[in-house]
Amino acid sequence: MVDTPRNPSGIQLNYIRYPVYAYNYTYPNNVTASNALTKFVSMTSDRISDKDLTLSITVMPERESKQYYG
């Protein structure tokens, strides 16, 4: 069987979410866990912005009783 090269139409970040209690955690360089994840998604988006690719994200929701981020 010969595998043919494929041209992807996009990148999917599956079940991306802030870790539980991320709002309480700060890395040694004063980057919060929330900011780190936001920055990762932003950098991914910037990296593919000049390409004909779609960035999609499946967000894992929080339960209302455990809501920390709005």
C-alpha atoms as a PDB file:
ATOM      1  CA  MET A   1       0.000   0.000   0.000  1.00  0.00           C
ATOM      2  CA  VAL A   2       1.373   3.395  -0.979  1.00  0.00           C
ATOM      3  CA  ASP A   3       0.608   6.343   1.255  1.00  0.00           C
ATOM      4  CA  THR A   4      -0.127   9.509  -0.691  1.00  0.00           C
ATOM      5  CA  PRO A   5       0.866  12.867   0.765  1.00  0.00           C
ATOM      6  CA  ARG A   6      -2.076  14.924   1.900  1.00  0.00           C
ATOM      7  CA  ASN A   7      -2.470  18.633   2.258  1.00  0.00           C
ATOM      8  CA  PRO A   8      -4.193  19.399   5.551  1.00  0.00           C
ATOM      9  CA  SER A   9      -7.004  21.932   5.560  1.00  0.00           C
ATOM     10  CA  GLY A  10      -6.496  22.843   9.192  1.00  0.00           C
ATOM     11  CA  ILE A  11      -5.261  22.124  12.677  1.00  0.00           C
ATOM     12  CA  GLN A  12      -7.536  20.893  15.456  1.00  0.00           C
ATOM     13  CA  LEU A  13      -6.649  21.474  19.105  1.00  0.00           C
ATOM     14  CA  ASN A  14      -8.782  18.815  20.738  1.00  0.00           C
ATOM     15  CA  TYR A  15     -10.186  19.303  24.237  1.00  0.00           C
ATOM     16  CA  ILE A  16      -7.966  22.226  25.066  1.00  0.00           C
ATOM     17  CA  ARG A  17      -8.746  23.624  28.478  1.00  0.00           C
ATOM     18  CA  TYR A  18      -7.332  25.465  31.407  1.00  0.00           C
ATOM     19  CA  PRO A  19      -6.288  22.989  34.061  1.00  0.00           C
ATOM     20  CA  VAL A  20      -8.386  22.908  37.202  1.00  0.00           C
ATOM     21  CA  TYR A  21      -7.314  25.687  39.543  1.00  0.00           C
ATOM     22  CA  ALA A  22      -4.988  27.120  36.889  1.00  0.00           C
ATOM     23  CA  TYR A  23      -6.047  30.570  37.978  1.00  0.00           C
ATOM     24  CA  ASN A  24      -4.221  29.916  41.288  1.00  0.00           C
ATOM     25  CA  TYR A  25      -0.935  28.754  39.773  1.00  0.00           C
ATOM     26  CA  THR A  26       1.956  30.944  38.647  1.00  0.00           C
ATOM     27  CA  TYR A  27       5.075  29.590  36.969  1.00  0.00           C
ATOM     28  CA  PRO A  28       8.463  30.743  38.297  1.00  0.00           C
ATOM     29  CA  ASN A  29       8.719  33.409  35.581  1.00  0.00           C
ATOM     30  CA  ASN A  30       5.378  34.954  36.701  1.00  0.00           C
ATOM     31  CA  VAL A  31       3.439  33.465  33.786  1.00  0.00           C
ATOM     32  CA  THR A  32       0.114  32.148  34.986  1.00  0.00           C
ATOM     33  CA  ALA A  33      -1.200  28.819  33.718  1.00  0.00           C
ATOM     34  CA  SER A  34      -4.134  30.647  32.116  1.00  0.00           C
ATOM     35  CA  ASN A  35      -1.818  33.031  30.271  1.00  0.00           C
ATOM     36  CA  ALA A  36       0.404  30.162  29.135  1.00  0.00           C
ATOM     37  CA  LEU A  37      -2.503  28.353  27.492  1.00  0.00           C
ATOM     38  CA  THR A  38      -3.854  31.540  25.926  1.00  0.00           C
ATOM     39  CA  LYS A  39      -0.378  32.324  24.592  1.00  0.00           C
ATOM     40  CA  PHE A  40      -0.042  28.815  23.127  1.00  0.00           C
ATOM     41  CA  VAL A  41      -3.301  29.177  21.178  1.00  0.00           C
ATOM     42  CA  SER A  42      -2.332  32.682  20.063  1.00  0.00           C
ATOM     43  CA  MET A  43       1.108  31.537  18.884  1.00  0.00           C
ATOM     44  CA  THR A  44      -0.441  28.606  17.009  1.00  0.00           C
ATOM     45  CA  SER A  45      -2.878  30.960  15.296  1.00  0.00           C
ATOM     46  CA  ASP A  46      -0.095  33.413  14.392  1.00  0.00           C
ATOM     47  CA  ARG A  47       2.056  30.606  13.035  1.00  0.00           C
ATOM     48  CA  ILE A  48      -0.586  29.473  10.509  1.00  0.00           C
ATOM     49  CA  SER A  49      -2.105  32.879   9.702  1.00  0.00           C
ATOM     50  CA  ASP A  50      -0.234  33.198   6.396  1.00  0.00           C
ATOM     51  CA  LYS A  51      -1.211  29.697   5.300  1.00  0.00           C
ATOM     52  CA  ASP A  52      -4.509  28.475   3.931  1.00  0.00           C
ATOM     53  CA  LEU A  53      -5.317  26.580   7.141  1.00  0.00           C
ATOM     54  CA  THR A  54      -8.195  26.667   9.597  1.00  0.00           C
ATOM     55  CA  LEU A  55      -7.512  26.557  13.323  1.00  0.00           C
ATOM     56  CA  SER A  56     -10.309  24.902  15.262  1.00  0.00           C
ATOM     57  CA  ILE A  57     -10.526  24.196  18.954  1.00  0.00           C
ATOM     58  CA  THR A  58     -12.729  21.811  20.912  1.00  0.00           C
ATOM     59  CA  VAL A  59     -13.164  23.336  24.329  1.00  0.00           C
ATOM     60  CA  MET A  60     -13.958  21.110  27.279  1.00  0.00           C
ATOM     61  CA  PRO A  61     -16.500  23.071  29.321  1.00  0.00           C
ATOM     62  CA  GLU A  62     -16.447  23.496  33.055  1.00  0.00           C
ATOM     63  CA  ARG A  63     -19.385  22.470  35.136  1.00  0.00           C
ATOM     64  CA  GLU A  64     -21.319  25.461  36.389  1.00  0.00           C
ATOM     65  CA  SER A  65     -20.501  24.557  39.985  1.00  0.00           C
ATOM     66  CA  LYS A  66     -16.759  24.607  39.133  1.00  0.00           C
ATOM     67  CA  GLN A  67     -16.764  27.699  36.927  1.00  0.00           C
ATOM     68  CA  TYR A  68     -13.589  29.795  37.256  1.00  0.00           C
ATOM     69  CA  TYR A  69     -13.199  31.559  33.920  1.00  0.00           C
ATOM     70  CA  GLY A  70     -16.516  33.290  33.279  1.00  0.00           C
END
